[in-house]
């Protein structure tokens, strides 16, 4: 099931995206009216989903504008750094072997007061930096409160998956010697186009992941090459902190980012960036 936030008649709505059209879930008889995606993730019931499955689309796709499925996140986005071996090697410029069994992930947060969506123009902030980079990542959307979760129960706590483009200012990142500020500029968080519910996926999660700039393939990998799996990440995070419904965990990017090329291939004004993940869809944005 592809769940969306969309604009219809100048109003934000929650719905189900299908090939036949869009179902506005607040126009059918569910357990309550949902104010936004976070409310739906937190409070929807199994009965609600059964009713949704039996309902038909009531809006033409051409009459809506897709928004980020989660526009205003509950907390800062939880990001995972250095989770693909090939990406570690491209940014460190080394072929040194990595002990994956004892490897420790880099966790960091990314501020996003408003998350952008597919087909929206993105302010690259070239007034601050000319070294703007793209990073396609699989985003995990937490479905219910999670603390000290056991590996065998992970699927119960995941609402679904989406695509995240973790835009980054490499200059600011380098100048400040940490990642928060250079990744937290307004417009630098892009999510969507849908949240695809967990029941659509088989574990282990092995999905093709790809990015293009102006039609040229830059990143081309599969989530099977993550050093730490989704299960690893949620077990570790939930052993240290409480995860809440609607929390976004972005699980890292493969090789092929702009800074990894020689010479680097950073984004320019007017570039079209596409981020795609198998079974989910495509995020497409113009950088201005």
Protein backbone atom coordinates (compact mmCIF):
# COMPACT_ATOMS: atom_id res chain seq x y z
CA UNK A 1 0.00 0.00 0.00
CA UNK A 2 1.34 3.42 -1.03
CA UNK A 3 0.34 6.04 1.49
CA UNK A 4 0.68 9.71 0.58
CA UNK A 5 0.20 13.23 1.80
CA UNK A 6 -1.21 15.39 -0.96
CA UNK A 7 -2.65 18.79 -1.72
CA UNK A 8 -6.25 18.84 -2.97
CA UNK A 9 -8.37 21.96 -3.22
CA UNK A 10 -5.64 23.81 -1.29
CA UNK A 11 -5.90 21.42 1.65
CA UNK A 12 -3.42 18.83 2.94
CA UNK A 13 -4.93 15.35 2.87
CA UNK A 14 -3.84 11.77 3.59
CA UNK A 15 -4.55 9.12 1.01
CA UNK A 16 -3.74 5.90 -0.78
CA UNK A 17 -2.08 6.12 -4.19
CA UNK A 18 -3.08 3.53 -6.81
CA UNK A 19 -2.90 3.18 -10.59
CA UNK A 20 -6.64 3.89 -10.72
CA UNK A 21 -6.53 7.07 -8.63
CA UNK A 22 -6.21 8.37 -5.09
CA UNK A 23 -8.33 7.39 -2.10
CA UNK A 24 -8.82 10.25 0.36
CA UNK A 25 -8.98 8.30 3.61
CA UNK A 26 -10.82 11.04 5.48
CA UNK A 27 -13.76 10.65 3.10
CA UNK A 28 -14.45 7.06 4.15
CA UNK A 29 -15.79 5.74 7.44
CA UNK A 30 -12.65 5.00 9.47
CA UNK A 31 -12.13 5.00 13.24
CA UNK A 32 -11.42 8.76 13.18
CA UNK A 33 -10.48 11.70 10.96
CA UNK A 34 -6.70 11.89 10.68
CA UNK A 35 -5.02 15.29 10.89
CA UNK A 36 -1.77 14.28 9.19
CA UNK A 37 0.48 11.32 8.43
CA UNK A 38 1.88 11.15 11.96
CA UNK A 39 -1.64 10.91 13.34
CA UNK A 40 -2.44 8.14 10.84
CA UNK A 41 0.72 6.17 11.64
CA UNK A 42 0.12 6.47 15.37
CA UNK A 43 -3.62 5.91 15.59
CA UNK A 44 -4.86 3.91 12.58
CA UNK A 45 -6.18 0.43 13.37
CA UNK A 46 -6.20 -2.94 11.63
CA UNK A 47 -9.89 -2.42 10.95
CA UNK A 48 -9.07 0.90 9.28
CA UNK A 49 -6.71 -0.87 6.91
CA UNK A 50 -9.33 -3.50 6.08
CA UNK A 51 -11.83 -0.77 5.21
CA UNK A 52 -9.21 1.03 3.12
CA UNK A 53 -8.46 -2.16 1.17
CA UNK A 54 -12.15 -2.52 0.31
CA UNK A 55 -12.57 1.13 -0.74
CA UNK A 56 -12.18 2.55 -4.24
CA UNK A 57 -10.22 5.67 -5.25
CA UNK A 58 -12.27 8.86 -5.19
CA UNK A 59 -9.87 11.44 -6.69
CA UNK A 60 -8.11 11.64 -10.06
CA UNK A 61 -4.31 11.52 -9.77
CA UNK A 62 -4.03 14.57 -12.06
CA UNK A 63 -6.05 16.65 -9.59
CA UNK A 64 -3.59 16.36 -6.70
CA UNK A 65 -0.10 17.58 -5.85
CA UNK A 66 2.10 15.11 -4.00
CA UNK A 67 3.65 16.45 -0.82
CA UNK A 68 6.24 14.79 1.38
CA UNK A 69 4.46 11.91 3.14
CA UNK A 70 5.74 13.35 6.42
CA UNK A 71 5.98 17.13 6.14
CA UNK A 72 6.71 18.09 9.74
CA UNK A 73 8.66 15.28 11.44
CA UNK A 74 8.22 14.30 15.07
CA UNK A 75 11.95 14.64 15.76
CA UNK A 76 15.07 15.40 13.79
CA UNK A 77 15.74 12.74 11.17
CA UNK A 78 18.02 9.97 12.44
CA UNK A 79 20.73 9.40 9.84
CA UNK A 80 23.19 6.57 9.44
CA UNK A 81 26.62 7.42 8.05
CA UNK A 82 29.16 5.06 6.50
CA UNK A 83 26.86 2.07 6.02
CA UNK A 84 28.09 0.90 2.60
CA UNK A 85 31.68 -0.31 2.24
CA UNK A 86 32.08 1.16 -1.26
CA UNK A 87 30.96 4.58 0.00
CA UNK A 88 33.44 4.47 2.89
CA UNK A 89 36.23 3.70 0.43
CA UNK A 90 35.27 6.47 -2.00
CA UNK A 91 35.20 9.20 0.66
CA UNK A 92 38.28 7.97 2.50
CA UNK A 93 40.22 7.33 -0.74
CA UNK A 94 41.45 3.99 0.58
CA UNK A 95 41.03 0.28 -0.18
CA UNK A 96 41.72 -0.77 3.38
CA UNK A 97 39.70 -3.80 4.44
CA UNK A 98 36.85 -3.13 6.86
CA UNK A 99 36.05 -5.46 9.76
CA UNK A 100 32.27 -5.51 9.33
CA UNK A 101 31.71 -7.71 12.39
CA UNK A 102 33.17 -5.09 14.73
CA UNK A 103 32.15 -2.05 12.69
CA UNK A 104 30.48 0.86 14.49
CA UNK A 105 28.07 3.05 12.56
CA UNK A 106 28.08 6.83 12.61
CA UNK A 107 24.70 8.10 13.80
CA UNK A 108 23.82 11.77 13.40
CA UNK A 109 20.72 13.93 13.27
CA UNK A 110 19.45 16.13 10.47
CA UNK A 111 17.19 19.09 11.21
CA UNK A 112 14.14 19.40 8.96
CA UNK A 113 11.34 21.71 10.03
CA UNK A 114 9.67 21.13 6.65
CA UNK A 115 10.49 18.14 4.44
CA UNK A 116 10.33 18.63 0.68
CA UNK A 117 8.73 16.21 -1.79
CA UNK A 118 9.15 14.94 -5.31
CA UNK A 119 8.74 17.47 -8.16
CA UNK A 120 9.47 20.41 -5.86
CA UNK A 121 12.27 22.83 -6.71
CA UNK A 122 15.06 22.75 -4.14
CA UNK A 123 17.02 25.81 -3.03
CA UNK A 124 20.63 24.66 -3.29
CA UNK A 125 21.93 27.61 -1.27
CA UNK A 126 24.74 28.26 -3.71
CA UNK A 127 25.25 31.56 -1.89
CA UNK A 128 26.79 29.50 0.93
CA UNK A 129 28.56 26.73 -0.95
CA UNK A 130 29.26 25.45 -4.47
CA UNK A 131 29.91 21.89 -3.25
CA UNK A 132 26.34 20.62 -2.95
CA UNK A 133 25.94 16.85 -2.98
CA UNK A 134 23.16 14.27 -3.30
CA UNK A 135 22.74 11.00 -1.37
CA UNK A 136 19.98 8.48 -2.12
CA UNK A 137 18.97 6.48 0.95
CA UNK A 138 16.32 4.01 2.09
CA UNK A 139 14.21 5.60 4.83
CA UNK A 140 12.56 3.53 7.55
CA UNK A 141 9.35 4.93 9.05
CA UNK A 142 8.73 3.77 12.61
CA UNK A 143 5.17 2.57 13.25
CA UNK A 144 4.88 2.43 17.03
CA UNK A 145 6.77 3.28 20.19
CA UNK A 146 9.92 1.17 20.28
CA UNK A 147 12.32 0.55 23.15
CA UNK A 148 14.73 -2.39 23.55
CA UNK A 149 13.29 -4.18 20.54
CA UNK A 150 14.27 -7.78 19.86
CA UNK A 151 15.49 -8.63 16.38
CA UNK A 152 12.72 -11.16 15.74
CA UNK A 153 10.06 -8.49 16.44
CA UNK A 154 11.47 -5.73 14.23
CA UNK A 155 8.76 -5.88 11.55
CA UNK A 156 6.07 -5.08 14.14
CA UNK A 157 7.64 -1.67 14.71
CA UNK A 158 8.16 -0.58 11.10
CA UNK A 159 5.28 1.23 9.42
CA UNK A 160 6.91 1.29 6.00
CA UNK A 161 9.70 2.51 3.76
CA UNK A 162 10.32 5.60 1.66
CA UNK A 163 13.11 7.29 -0.31
CA UNK A 164 15.26 10.01 1.23
CA UNK A 165 17.64 12.38 -0.55
CA UNK A 166 20.14 13.54 2.07
CA UNK A 167 21.36 16.73 0.40
CA UNK A 168 24.62 17.97 1.86
CA UNK A 169 26.83 21.06 1.78
CA UNK A 170 30.31 19.55 1.70
CA UNK A 171 32.02 22.88 2.45
CA UNK A 172 29.95 23.59 5.56
CA UNK A 173 30.34 19.95 6.61
CA UNK A 174 34.14 20.27 6.33
CA UNK A 175 34.39 23.76 7.84
CA UNK A 176 32.50 22.77 11.00
CA UNK A 177 34.18 19.35 11.29
CA UNK A 178 30.85 17.61 11.85
CA UNK A 179 27.77 16.81 9.79
CA UNK A 180 24.78 18.49 11.43
CA UNK A 181 24.89 22.03 10.00
CA UNK A 182 25.96 21.08 6.49
CA UNK A 183 23.05 18.66 6.19
CA UNK A 184 20.37 20.73 7.92
CA UNK A 185 19.88 23.66 5.55
CA UNK A 186 16.28 24.42 4.63
CA UNK A 187 15.21 22.28 1.62
CA UNK A 188 17.99 19.74 2.23
CA UNK A 189 15.62 16.95 3.32
CA UNK A 190 13.55 15.34 0.56
CA UNK A 191 11.25 12.36 1.24
CA UNK A 192 8.77 10.41 -0.82
CA UNK A 193 7.02 10.04 -3.08
CA UNK A 194 5.14 7.51 -0.92
CA UNK A 195 5.44 5.50 2.23
CA UNK A 196 5.07 1.89 1.12
CA UNK A 197 3.74 -0.21 3.99
CA UNK A 198 5.86 -2.94 5.54
CA UNK A 199 3.57 -5.77 4.36
CA UNK A 200 4.73 -5.16 0.77
CA UNK A 201 8.31 -6.22 1.54
CA UNK A 202 10.14 -9.45 2.21
CA UNK A 203 13.02 -9.67 4.68
CA UNK A 204 15.94 -9.41 4.34
CA UNK A 205 15.43 -6.08 2.56
CA UNK A 206 17.33 -6.28 -0.73
CA UNK A 207 16.26 -3.42 -2.99
CA UNK A 208 18.00 -1.80 -5.95
CA UNK A 209 18.93 1.79 -5.07
CA UNK A 210 19.85 4.36 -7.72
CA UNK A 211 20.48 8.05 -8.27
CA UNK A 212 20.79 10.06 -11.48
CA UNK A 213 21.81 13.63 -12.24
CA UNK A 214 20.47 14.98 -15.54
CA UNK A 215 19.75 11.41 -16.61
CA UNK A 216 23.28 10.16 -15.88
CA UNK A 217 23.53 7.30 -13.39
CA UNK A 218 25.63 8.29 -10.39
CA UNK A 219 24.76 5.74 -7.69
CA UNK A 220 23.75 2.17 -8.50
CA UNK A 221 23.67 -0.43 -5.73
CA UNK A 222 21.41 -2.62 -3.62
CA UNK A 223 20.47 -2.39 0.05
CA UNK A 224 21.88 -5.89 0.55
CA UNK A 225 25.28 -4.20 0.61
CA UNK A 226 24.54 -2.23 3.76
CA UNK A 227 27.11 -3.08 6.43
CA UNK A 228 24.46 -3.03 9.14
CA UNK A 229 20.96 -4.21 8.27
CA UNK A 230 17.71 -2.51 9.16
CA UNK A 231 17.34 -5.02 11.97
CA UNK A 232 20.82 -4.16 13.28
CA UNK A 233 20.06 -0.44 13.20
CA UNK A 234 16.71 -0.60 14.99
CA UNK A 235 17.97 -3.02 17.63
CA UNK A 236 20.91 -0.73 18.38
CA UNK A 237 18.97 2.53 18.33
CA UNK A 238 16.11 1.21 20.45
CA UNK A 239 18.55 -0.09 23.04
CA UNK A 240 19.75 3.49 23.57
CA UNK A 241 16.67 5.62 22.93
CA UNK A 242 12.91 5.42 22.56
CA UNK A 243 11.72 5.57 18.96
CA UNK A 244 8.33 7.15 18.32
CA UNK A 245 5.65 6.60 15.64
CA UNK A 246 6.60 8.60 12.57
CA UNK A 247 10.30 8.76 13.37
CA UNK A 248 12.41 8.65 10.20
CA UNK A 249 15.63 6.63 10.06
CA UNK A 250 17.71 7.15 6.91
CA UNK A 251 19.94 4.13 6.49
CA UNK A 252 22.97 5.43 4.58
CA UNK A 253 24.04 5.94 0.97
CA UNK A 254 26.09 3.83 -1.45
CA UNK A 255 29.04 5.00 -3.53
CA UNK A 256 28.65 7.45 -6.40
CA UNK A 257 28.09 10.69 -4.50
CA UNK A 258 29.49 13.82 -6.12
CA UNK A 259 32.47 14.13 -3.81
CA UNK A 260 33.53 10.59 -4.64
CA UNK A 261 34.46 11.38 -8.24
CA UNK A 262 37.81 12.71 -9.47
CA UNK A 263 37.23 15.50 -10.20
CA UNK A 264 34.13 15.84 -8.00
CA UNK A 265 30.70 16.11 -9.63
CA UNK A 266 28.80 18.48 -7.37
CA UNK A 267 25.32 19.77 -8.18
CA UNK A 268 24.76 22.96 -10.16
CA UNK A 269 21.76 25.23 -10.47
CA UNK A 270 19.28 23.70 -12.92
CA UNK A 271 20.38 20.09 -12.33
CA UNK A 272 17.67 17.42 -12.16
CA UNK A 273 18.27 14.82 -9.44
CA UNK A 274 16.40 11.51 -9.44
CA UNK A 275 16.56 9.08 -6.52
CA UNK A 276 14.86 5.72 -6.96
CA UNK A 277 14.45 2.56 -4.93
CA UNK A 278 12.91 -0.69 -6.11
CA UNK A 279 9.27 -1.23 -5.01
CA UNK A 280 8.97 2.37 -3.80
CA UNK A 281 9.29 4.84 -6.65
CA UNK A 282 11.25 7.90 -7.76
CA UNK A 283 12.06 11.23 -6.11
CA UNK A 284 12.73 13.85 -8.79
CA UNK A 285 13.78 17.42 -8.04
CA UNK A 286 15.30 20.41 -9.77
CA UNK A 287 18.07 22.23 -7.94
CA UNK A 288 17.84 25.99 -8.25
